[in-house]
């Protein structure tokens, strides 16, 4: 029983890690997509 709980904890940790990586990459992608004019001067 403890082994099952241990495996569930590892799986939950991996899922949380992947979710964090996915969220960070999404934020970076949208940050590059919608850059404020201060960073990308059009003049």
N, C-alpha and C. Protein backbone atom coordinates (compact mmCIF):
# COMPACT_ATOMS: atom_id res chain seq x y z
N UNK A 1 0.83 -1.20 0.00
CA UNK A 1 0.00 0.00 0.00
C UNK A 1 0.87 1.25 0.00
N UNK A 2 1.92 1.24 0.80
CA UNK A 2 2.80 2.40 0.85
C UNK A 2 3.53 2.59 -0.49
N UNK A 3 3.82 1.45 -1.16
CA UNK A 3 4.49 1.52 -2.46
C UNK A 3 3.57 2.20 -3.48
N UNK A 4 2.28 1.89 -3.41
CA UNK A 4 1.32 2.49 -4.34
C UNK A 4 1.23 4.00 -4.11
N UNK A 5 1.19 4.40 -2.84
CA UNK A 5 1.13 5.83 -2.52
C UNK A 5 2.41 6.52 -2.97
N UNK A 6 3.53 5.84 -2.84
CA UNK A 6 4.80 6.42 -3.25
C UNK A 6 4.81 6.65 -4.76
N UNK A 7 4.31 5.66 -5.51
CA UNK A 7 4.26 5.80 -6.97
C UNK A 7 3.31 6.93 -7.37
N UNK A 8 2.19 7.04 -6.68
CA UNK A 8 1.22 8.11 -6.99
C UNK A 8 1.85 9.48 -6.74
N UNK A 9 2.65 9.59 -5.69
CA UNK A 9 3.33 10.85 -5.39
C UNK A 9 4.33 11.21 -6.48
N UNK A 10 5.07 10.21 -6.97
CA UNK A 10 6.05 10.45 -8.03
C UNK A 10 5.34 10.88 -9.31
N UNK A 11 4.23 10.20 -9.64
CA UNK A 11 3.48 10.54 -10.85
C UNK A 11 2.91 11.95 -10.74
N UNK A 12 2.38 12.30 -9.58
CA UNK A 12 1.82 13.63 -9.38
C UNK A 12 2.91 14.70 -9.51
N UNK A 13 4.11 14.40 -8.99
CA UNK A 13 5.23 15.33 -9.08
C UNK A 13 5.64 15.54 -10.53
N UNK A 14 5.72 14.45 -11.30
CA UNK A 14 6.10 14.54 -12.72
C UNK A 14 5.06 15.34 -13.50
N UNK A 15 3.78 15.08 -13.22
CA UNK A 15 2.71 15.81 -13.92
C UNK A 15 2.77 17.30 -13.59
N UNK A 16 3.02 17.63 -12.33
CA UNK A 16 3.11 19.03 -11.93
C UNK A 16 4.31 19.70 -12.60
N UNK A 17 5.43 18.96 -12.71
CA UNK A 17 6.63 19.49 -13.34
C UNK A 17 6.38 19.77 -14.82
N UNK A 18 5.72 18.82 -15.51
CA UNK A 18 5.42 18.99 -16.93
C UNK A 18 4.46 20.16 -17.13
N UNK A 19 3.47 20.28 -16.22
CA UNK A 19 2.49 21.36 -16.33
C UNK A 19 3.19 22.71 -16.17
N UNK A 20 4.14 22.79 -15.24
CA UNK A 20 4.88 24.03 -15.02
C UNK A 20 5.71 24.38 -16.25
N UNK A 21 6.38 23.40 -16.83
CA UNK A 21 7.21 23.64 -18.02
C UNK A 21 6.33 24.10 -19.18
N UNK A 22 5.16 23.46 -19.33
CA UNK A 22 4.25 23.82 -20.41
C UNK A 22 3.74 25.25 -20.22
N UNK A 23 3.41 25.60 -18.99
CA UNK A 23 2.91 26.95 -18.70
C UNK A 23 3.98 28.00 -18.96
N UNK A 24 5.21 27.73 -18.55
CA UNK A 24 6.30 28.68 -18.75
C UNK A 24 6.57 28.88 -20.24
N UNK A 25 6.56 27.78 -21.00
CA UNK A 25 6.81 27.89 -22.44
C UNK A 25 5.69 28.65 -23.12
N UNK A 26 4.44 28.46 -22.64
CA UNK A 26 3.31 29.21 -23.20
C UNK A 26 3.46 30.70 -22.93
N UNK A 27 3.87 31.03 -21.71
CA UNK A 27 4.04 32.44 -21.34
C UNK A 27 5.13 33.09 -22.20
N UNK A 28 6.23 32.37 -22.40
CA UNK A 28 7.33 32.89 -23.23
C UNK A 28 6.87 33.06 -24.68
N UNK A 29 6.12 32.06 -25.18
CA UNK A 29 5.64 32.11 -26.57
C UNK A 29 4.72 33.30 -26.78
N UNK A 30 3.74 33.49 -25.87
CA UNK A 30 2.82 34.61 -26.01
C UNK A 30 3.54 35.94 -25.74
N UNK A 31 4.57 35.90 -24.90
CA UNK A 31 5.35 37.11 -24.66
C UNK A 31 6.06 37.57 -25.92
N UNK A 32 6.61 36.60 -26.69
CA UNK A 32 7.26 36.95 -27.95
C UNK A 32 6.23 37.35 -29.00
N UNK A 33 5.04 36.71 -28.93
CA UNK A 33 4.00 36.97 -29.93
C UNK A 33 3.43 38.38 -29.76
N UNK A 34 3.18 38.76 -28.50
CA UNK A 34 2.58 40.07 -28.22
C UNK A 34 3.56 40.96 -27.47
N UNK A 35 4.69 41.25 -28.10
CA UNK A 35 5.70 42.09 -27.46
C UNK A 35 5.22 43.53 -27.41
N UNK A 36 5.45 44.18 -26.28
CA UNK A 36 5.10 45.60 -26.17
C UNK A 36 5.96 46.44 -27.10
N UNK A 37 5.47 47.60 -27.55
CA UNK A 37 6.21 48.45 -28.49
C UNK A 37 7.55 48.92 -27.94
N UNK A 38 7.70 48.92 -26.60
CA UNK A 38 8.94 49.38 -26.00
C UNK A 38 10.10 48.44 -26.35
N UNK A 39 9.78 47.14 -26.48
CA UNK A 39 10.84 46.17 -26.78
C UNK A 39 11.09 46.10 -28.28
N UNK A 40 10.03 46.23 -29.07
CA UNK A 40 10.19 46.14 -30.53
C UNK A 40 9.82 47.47 -31.18
N UNK A 41 10.78 48.37 -31.32
CA UNK A 41 10.52 49.66 -31.98
C UNK A 41 10.26 49.47 -33.46
N UNK A 42 9.17 50.05 -33.96
CA UNK A 42 8.80 49.86 -35.37
C UNK A 42 9.37 50.97 -36.25
N UNK A 43 9.86 52.05 -35.63
CA UNK A 43 10.36 53.19 -36.40
C UNK A 43 11.56 52.79 -37.25
